[in-house]
Amino acid sequence: MEDSSLQLLLVLTSLLISTTNQASLTVSPSRSQMFRGQSVSLSCEEDDSSAGWTLRRNTSNKTRTQCGDGWGKPAGSSCKISYMDPSDSGVYWCESREGATSNSINITVTGGPVILQSPVLPVTEGEDLTLHCKTKTSSNLPADFYKDGSFIRTEPAGHMTIHHVSRSDEGLYKCLISSDGESPPSWVSVTEKPTTTSPPPTSTTSGSSPPPPWLWSVSVGVLVLLVLLVLLVLRCIRRNPKAAEVEAGDDDVTYSDVTISRNLQQPIRRSRDPAAVSSAVRGAEDVSYGQIVIKSNRTREPPADPEVLYSSLRNT
């Protein structure tokens, strides 16, 4: 029984760890293209700090190198690059000691005069997508925007917004400022909108919202604690057995009826003296009656009605 309980506990614990052992990569400033010489900070926003998340990247020169191994300065689960160079262009992600990975981010570093600011994370269907074309000194110059090499339109303020994007808007974008130059291309991803199930009528009328994702992890944690408590109680019961003892009470009473023998006198001789005869009769009729109550430790039902025997004395 102990082995099966221990196995169940281990399964629940591993399940709890797997649900909380997640991280997401963020970059500041939040852009996919950088100018040469800019600084950037990457961070693994983690749910479990004990997982030991580290920053890794793939570039055109090296693969799977971690922060501090020839690039960047590590600080816990974060990494800062104080001077970006075109050789720092590549794919960045977070990785735990167990091999779990986060989302990945593409970063392009250019030595040119123009960059295209696009979302670093995929855009969900139905959301708005805004692209900015800017130089090192200005971000509101007229710019031409292209998708997959095809011209889209010219925006006088240097930014273009696509409302309610769909999967067809996914592709490779770039911009051109005629007075300065062209930006490197950046890939924009569009993900499907998550399907939502209609809530039951009761939840709709009451206005209740679905439980947050972390609530399931808390429930599993409570279940693990309950299993530990049950195991502890079972162990205490096995180590301290108690035999049930029934003790007879002292209040059980057995009644015994006793007949007291009369005090017989010697036969009275006839006498003519009335006083002597009266005295003899009084002596013969001097009888005592008694009832004795006996207590016993044995449990026994008392008689329904204790009987008392009386002795009487006749004159002879």
Protein backbone atom coordinates (compact mmCIF):
# COMPACT_ATOMS: atom_id res chain seq x y z
CA MET A 1 0.00 0.00 0.00
CA GLU A 2 2.84 2.36 0.82
CA ASP A 3 4.51 1.68 -2.57
CA SER A 4 1.35 2.45 -4.56
CA SER A 5 0.73 5.62 -2.54
CA LEU A 6 4.32 6.75 -3.11
CA GLN A 7 4.03 6.14 -6.86
CA LEU A 8 0.82 8.17 -6.99
CA LEU A 9 2.51 10.99 -5.11
CA LEU A 10 5.44 11.04 -7.53
CA VAL A 11 3.13 11.15 -10.55
CA LEU A 12 1.15 14.06 -9.13
CA THR A 13 4.33 15.95 -8.23
CA SER A 14 5.81 15.54 -11.72
CA LEU A 15 2.51 16.64 -13.21
CA LEU A 16 2.51 19.74 -11.04
CA ILE A 17 6.08 20.57 -12.06
CA SER A 18 5.36 20.11 -15.76
CA THR A 19 2.39 22.49 -15.61
CA THR A 20 4.37 25.28 -13.96
CA ASN A 21 7.71 24.69 -15.71
CA GLN A 22 7.21 27.24 -18.53
CA ALA A 23 8.86 30.45 -19.71
CA SER A 24 8.41 33.07 -22.41
CA LEU A 25 11.13 35.19 -24.04
CA THR A 26 10.77 38.98 -24.09
CA VAL A 27 13.05 41.56 -25.71
CA SER A 28 13.52 45.23 -24.89
CA PRO A 29 13.18 47.37 -26.93
CA SER A 30 10.38 45.25 -28.41
CA ARG A 31 11.37 45.15 -32.07
CA SER A 32 12.68 42.59 -34.50
CA GLN A 33 15.23 44.90 -36.20
CA MET A 34 18.05 46.82 -34.50
CA PHE A 35 20.57 49.40 -35.61
CA ARG A 36 24.24 48.60 -35.21
CA GLY A 37 25.50 49.86 -31.84
CA GLN A 38 22.16 49.61 -30.04
CA SER A 39 21.81 47.73 -26.75
CA VAL A 40 19.18 45.08 -26.15
CA SER A 41 18.00 43.12 -23.12
CA LEU A 42 16.47 39.64 -23.38
CA SER A 43 14.68 38.00 -20.48
CA CYS A 44 13.07 34.64 -19.73
CA GLU A 45 9.83 35.37 -17.92
CA GLU A 46 9.57 32.16 -15.95
CA ASP A 47 6.93 30.53 -13.77
CA ASP A 48 9.50 28.31 -12.01
CA SER A 49 12.83 29.94 -11.14
CA SER A 50 14.27 26.57 -10.06
CA ALA A 51 14.20 25.31 -13.67
CA GLY A 52 17.40 27.22 -14.45
CA TRP A 53 16.43 29.01 -17.66
CA THR A 54 19.25 30.35 -19.88
CA LEU A 55 19.36 32.33 -23.14
CA ARG A 56 20.56 30.55 -26.28
CA ARG A 57 20.84 31.58 -29.91
CA ASN A 58 21.59 30.39 -33.42
CA THR A 59 23.52 32.71 -35.74
CA SER A 60 25.18 32.31 -39.10
CA ASN A 61 28.48 31.51 -37.34
CA LYS A 62 27.51 29.40 -34.30
CA THR A 63 24.55 27.37 -33.06
CA ARG A 64 23.14 26.73 -29.59
CA THR A 65 25.53 29.06 -27.84
CA GLN A 66 24.36 30.43 -24.50
CA CYS A 67 24.58 33.92 -23.08
CA GLY A 68 28.06 34.57 -21.70
CA ASP A 69 29.69 32.15 -24.14
CA GLY A 70 31.30 34.83 -26.33
CA TRP A 71 28.25 37.11 -26.40
CA GLY A 72 26.07 38.97 -23.92
CA LYS A 73 26.28 39.38 -20.16
CA PRO A 74 24.10 36.95 -18.14
CA ALA A 75 22.15 38.08 -15.10
CA GLY A 76 20.08 35.20 -13.75
CA SER A 77 17.58 34.27 -16.43
CA SER A 78 18.25 37.48 -18.40
CA CYS A 79 20.94 38.52 -20.86
CA LYS A 80 22.06 41.97 -21.95
CA ILE A 81 23.93 42.81 -25.16
CA SER A 82 25.36 46.31 -24.79
CA TYR A 83 26.49 46.68 -28.42
CA MET A 84 24.60 44.95 -31.21
CA ASP A 85 26.47 43.98 -34.34
CA PRO A 86 25.20 42.45 -37.62
CA SER A 87 26.87 39.21 -36.50
CA ASP A 88 24.36 39.11 -33.62
CA SER A 89 21.51 38.57 -36.08
CA GLY A 90 19.83 35.24 -35.45
CA VAL A 91 17.22 33.26 -33.52
CA TYR A 92 17.05 33.61 -29.72
CA TRP A 93 15.19 31.41 -27.20
CA CYS A 94 15.11 30.30 -23.54
CA GLU A 95 16.04 26.76 -22.50
CA SER A 96 15.83 24.98 -19.13
CA ARG A 97 18.15 22.38 -17.63
CA GLU A 98 15.60 19.70 -18.51
CA GLY A 99 15.60 20.77 -22.17
CA ALA A 100 12.27 22.63 -22.22
CA THR A 101 12.20 25.59 -24.61
CA SER A 102 10.28 28.86 -24.83
CA ASN A 103 9.09 30.78 -27.85
CA SER A 104 11.80 31.96 -30.25
CA ILE A 105 12.46 35.49 -31.54
CA ASN A 106 14.18 36.53 -34.77
CA ILE A 107 16.43 39.57 -34.40
CA THR A 108 18.06 41.33 -37.34
CA VAL A 109 20.88 43.83 -36.81
CA THR A 110 21.67 46.18 -39.70
CA GLY A 111 24.37 48.68 -40.42
CA GLY A 112 22.07 50.49 -42.85
CA PRO A 113 20.14 53.74 -42.26
CA VAL A 114 16.58 52.31 -42.23
CA ILE A 115 14.83 49.63 -40.17
CA LEU A 116 11.31 48.21 -40.17
CA GLN A 117 9.75 47.90 -36.75
CA SER A 118 7.49 44.84 -36.72
CA PRO A 119 6.08 42.67 -33.90
CA VAL A 120 8.60 40.27 -32.41
CA LEU A 121 5.81 37.77 -31.58
CA PRO A 122 3.19 36.27 -33.92
CA VAL A 123 0.02 38.29 -34.46
CA THR A 124 -3.33 36.63 -33.76
CA GLU A 125 -6.03 36.61 -36.40
CA GLY A 126 -8.43 39.51 -36.00
CA GLU A 127 -5.89 41.83 -34.37
CA ASP A 128 -4.38 44.96 -35.94
CA LEU A 129 -0.85 44.90 -37.34
CA THR A 130 1.18 48.14 -37.37
CA LEU A 131 4.53 48.51 -39.16
CA HIS A 132 6.89 51.46 -38.65
CA CYS A 133 9.58 52.54 -41.10
CA LYS A 134 12.19 54.73 -39.44
CA THR A 135 15.75 56.04 -39.58
CA LYS A 136 18.09 56.71 -36.68
CA THR A 137 16.85 60.30 -36.49
CA SER A 138 13.24 60.20 -37.67
CA SER A 139 10.20 57.93 -37.65
CA ASN A 140 7.61 59.99 -39.56
CA LEU A 141 9.07 60.23 -43.05
CA PRO A 142 7.02 59.05 -46.06
CA ALA A 143 7.72 55.37 -46.73
CA ASP A 144 6.79 52.69 -49.23
CA PHE A 145 5.78 49.29 -47.85
CA TYR A 146 6.27 45.90 -49.55
CA LYS A 147 5.09 42.36 -48.86
CA ASP A 148 6.88 39.40 -50.42
CA GLY A 149 8.55 41.80 -52.87
CA SER A 150 5.27 43.35 -54.01
CA PHE A 151 4.41 47.00 -53.40
CA ILE A 152 1.49 47.59 -51.03
CA ARG A 153 1.14 51.34 -50.66
CA THR A 154 2.89 54.56 -49.59
CA GLU A 155 2.29 55.98 -46.14
CA PRO A 156 3.09 59.70 -45.63
CA ALA A 157 3.71 59.34 -41.87
CA GLY A 158 6.00 56.31 -42.18
CA HIS A 159 3.70 53.74 -40.52
CA MET A 160 1.15 51.32 -41.96
CA THR A 161 -1.67 49.55 -40.14
CA ILE A 162 -3.45 46.44 -41.38
CA HIS A 163 -6.78 46.00 -39.57
CA HIS A 164 -8.12 42.59 -38.62
CA VAL A 165 -5.27 40.55 -40.02
CA SER A 166 -5.81 37.06 -41.41
CA ARG A 167 -3.51 34.21 -42.41
CA SER A 168 -3.19 35.74 -45.85
CA ASP A 169 -1.38 38.74 -44.31
CA GLU A 170 1.50 36.53 -43.17
CA GLY A 171 4.70 37.14 -45.12
CA LEU A 172 7.99 38.99 -45.57
CA TYR A 173 7.71 42.76 -45.15
CA LYS A 174 10.12 45.64 -45.82
CA CYS A 175 9.98 49.41 -46.26
CA LEU A 176 11.72 52.07 -48.31
CA ILE A 177 12.42 55.72 -47.52
CA SER A 178 13.45 57.31 -50.78
CA SER A 179 15.72 59.88 -49.14
CA ASP A 180 17.59 57.35 -46.96
CA GLY A 181 17.31 53.79 -48.18
CA GLU A 182 15.67 50.40 -47.70
CA SER A 183 15.21 48.31 -44.57
CA PRO A 184 16.06 44.62 -44.21
CA PRO A 185 13.07 42.27 -44.62
CA SER A 186 11.27 40.87 -41.60
CA TRP A 187 8.92 37.90 -41.44
CA VAL A 188 5.55 38.55 -39.83
CA SER A 189 3.67 35.49 -38.53
CA VAL A 190 -0.10 35.28 -38.07
CA THR A 191 -1.56 32.60 -35.79
CA GLU A 192 -5.09 31.27 -35.76
CA LYS A 193 -7.51 32.72 -33.28
CA PRO A 194 -8.06 30.25 -30.45
CA THR A 195 -11.44 28.59 -30.55
CA THR A 196 -13.72 29.40 -27.65
CA THR A 197 -16.56 27.23 -26.40
CA SER A 198 -19.88 28.76 -25.46
CA PRO A 199 -20.33 28.89 -21.69
CA PRO A 200 -23.34 27.12 -20.18
CA PRO A 201 -26.48 29.23 -19.68
CA THR A 202 -25.96 29.35 -15.92
CA SER A 203 -22.52 30.93 -16.22
CA THR A 204 -23.81 33.41 -18.82
CA THR A 205 -26.63 34.61 -16.64
CA SER A 206 -24.50 34.82 -13.54
CA GLY A 207 -21.70 36.63 -15.39
CA SER A 208 -19.00 34.27 -14.08
CA SER A 209 -15.74 34.08 -16.02
CA PRO A 210 -13.75 30.90 -16.72
CA PRO A 211 -11.12 30.02 -14.11
CA PRO A 212 -7.59 31.34 -14.74
CA PRO A 213 -4.95 28.85 -15.99
CA TRP A 214 -3.03 28.90 -12.72
CA LEU A 215 -6.07 27.64 -10.80
CA TRP A 216 -5.56 24.11 -12.13
CA SER A 217 -1.97 24.07 -10.86
CA VAL A 218 -3.15 25.21 -7.41
CA SER A 219 -5.77 22.42 -7.39
CA VAL A 220 -3.11 19.81 -8.19
CA GLY A 221 -0.93 21.21 -5.40
CA VAL A 222 -3.80 20.90 -2.91
CA LEU A 223 -4.39 17.31 -4.07
CA VAL A 224 -0.73 16.47 -3.43
CA LEU A 225 -0.98 17.87 0.09
CA LEU A 226 -4.11 15.80 0.75
CA VAL A 227 -2.33 12.63 -0.39
CA LEU A 228 0.57 13.41 1.97
CA LEU A 229 -1.88 13.93 4.83
CA VAL A 230 -3.62 10.61 4.17
CA LEU A 231 -0.29 8.76 4.11
CA LEU A 232 0.72 10.36 7.41
CA VAL A 233 -2.55 9.39 9.08
CA LEU A 234 -2.29 5.78 7.87
CA ARG A 235 1.27 5.53 9.17
CA CYS A 236 0.25 6.83 12.60
CA ILE A 237 -2.62 4.34 12.81
CA ARG A 238 -0.36 1.39 12.00
CA ARG A 239 2.24 2.44 14.58
CA ASN A 240 -0.23 3.08 17.42
CA PRO A 241 -2.93 0.34 17.41
CA LYS A 242 -5.49 0.58 20.17
CA ALA A 243 -7.49 -2.38 21.48
CA ALA A 244 -11.03 -1.65 22.38
CA GLU A 245 -11.68 -2.51 25.99
CA VAL A 246 -15.06 -2.75 27.57
CA GLU A 247 -15.13 -2.34 31.29
CA ALA A 248 -18.09 -3.26 33.39
CA GLY A 249 -19.50 -0.38 35.38
CA ASP A 250 -19.67 -0.30 39.11
CA ASP A 251 -23.29 0.67 38.99
CA ASP A 252 -24.57 -2.81 38.12
CA VAL A 253 -26.48 -4.01 41.14
CA THR A 254 -27.79 -7.46 42.00
CA TYR A 255 -30.44 -7.67 44.59
CA SER A 256 -30.63 -10.58 47.00
CA ASP A 257 -33.52 -11.15 49.32
CA VAL A 258 -32.75 -12.61 52.69
CA THR A 259 -35.21 -14.00 55.15
CA ILE A 260 -34.26 -13.40 58.68
CA SER A 261 -35.04 -16.33 60.97
CA ARG A 262 -37.26 -15.57 63.86
CA ASN A 263 -35.92 -15.79 67.32
CA LEU A 264 -37.69 -18.75 68.81
CA GLN A 265 -37.93 -18.98 72.54
CA GLN A 266 -38.28 -22.08 74.58
CA PRO A 267 -41.84 -23.31 74.92
CA ILE A 268 -43.69 -21.29 77.37
CA ARG A 269 -45.06 -23.12 80.26
CA ARG A 270 -48.55 -22.41 81.26
CA SER A 271 -48.78 -20.04 84.09
CA ARG A 272 -51.54 -18.54 85.88
CA ASP A 273 -49.68 -15.29 86.15
CA PRO A 274 -51.05 -13.08 83.39
CA ALA A 275 -47.98 -10.87 83.48
CA ALA A 276 -45.68 -13.81 82.93
CA VAL A 277 -47.75 -15.10 79.99
CA SER A 278 -47.81 -11.67 78.35
CA SER A 279 -44.05 -11.34 78.74
CA ALA A 280 -43.44 -14.74 77.16
CA VAL A 281 -45.66 -13.93 74.20
CA ARG A 282 -43.87 -10.63 73.60
CA GLY A 283 -40.53 -12.45 73.64
CA ALA A 284 -41.73 -15.03 71.13
CA GLU A 285 -43.05 -12.38 68.75
CA ASP A 286 -39.79 -10.36 68.75
CA VAL A 287 -38.86 -10.88 65.00
CA SER A 288 -36.55 -8.73 62.72
CA TYR A 289 -36.94 -8.30 58.93
CA GLY A 290 -34.19 -7.06 56.54
CA GLN A 291 -33.29 -6.51 52.83
CA ILE A 292 -29.66 -6.65 51.66
CA VAL A 293 -28.33 -4.94 48.50
CA ILE A 294 -25.20 -6.51 47.00
CA LYS A 295 -23.02 -4.75 44.38
CA SER A 296 -21.15 -6.83 41.82
CA ASN A 297 -18.69 -6.09 38.96
CA ARG A 298 -20.43 -8.60 36.74
CA THR A 299 -22.89 -7.11 34.31
CA ARG A 300 -26.19 -8.82 34.91
CA GLU A 301 -29.68 -7.66 34.44
CA PRO A 302 -31.35 -7.04 37.84
CA PRO A 303 -34.57 -8.83 38.59
CA ALA A 304 -37.61 -6.99 37.47
CA ASP A 305 -39.13 -6.76 40.92
CA PRO A 306 -37.09 -7.73 43.95
CA GLU A 307 -39.09 -9.97 46.22
CA VAL A 308 -39.02 -9.80 49.97
CA LEU A 309 -40.05 -12.77 52.11
CA TYR A 310 -41.59 -12.14 55.39
CA SER A 311 -41.57 -14.59 58.30
CA SER A 312 -44.35 -14.58 60.78
CA LEU A 313 -44.58 -16.09 64.18
CA ARG A 314 -47.52 -17.92 65.45
CA ASN A 315 -48.40 -18.35 68.97
CA THR A 316 -48.17 -21.90 70.03
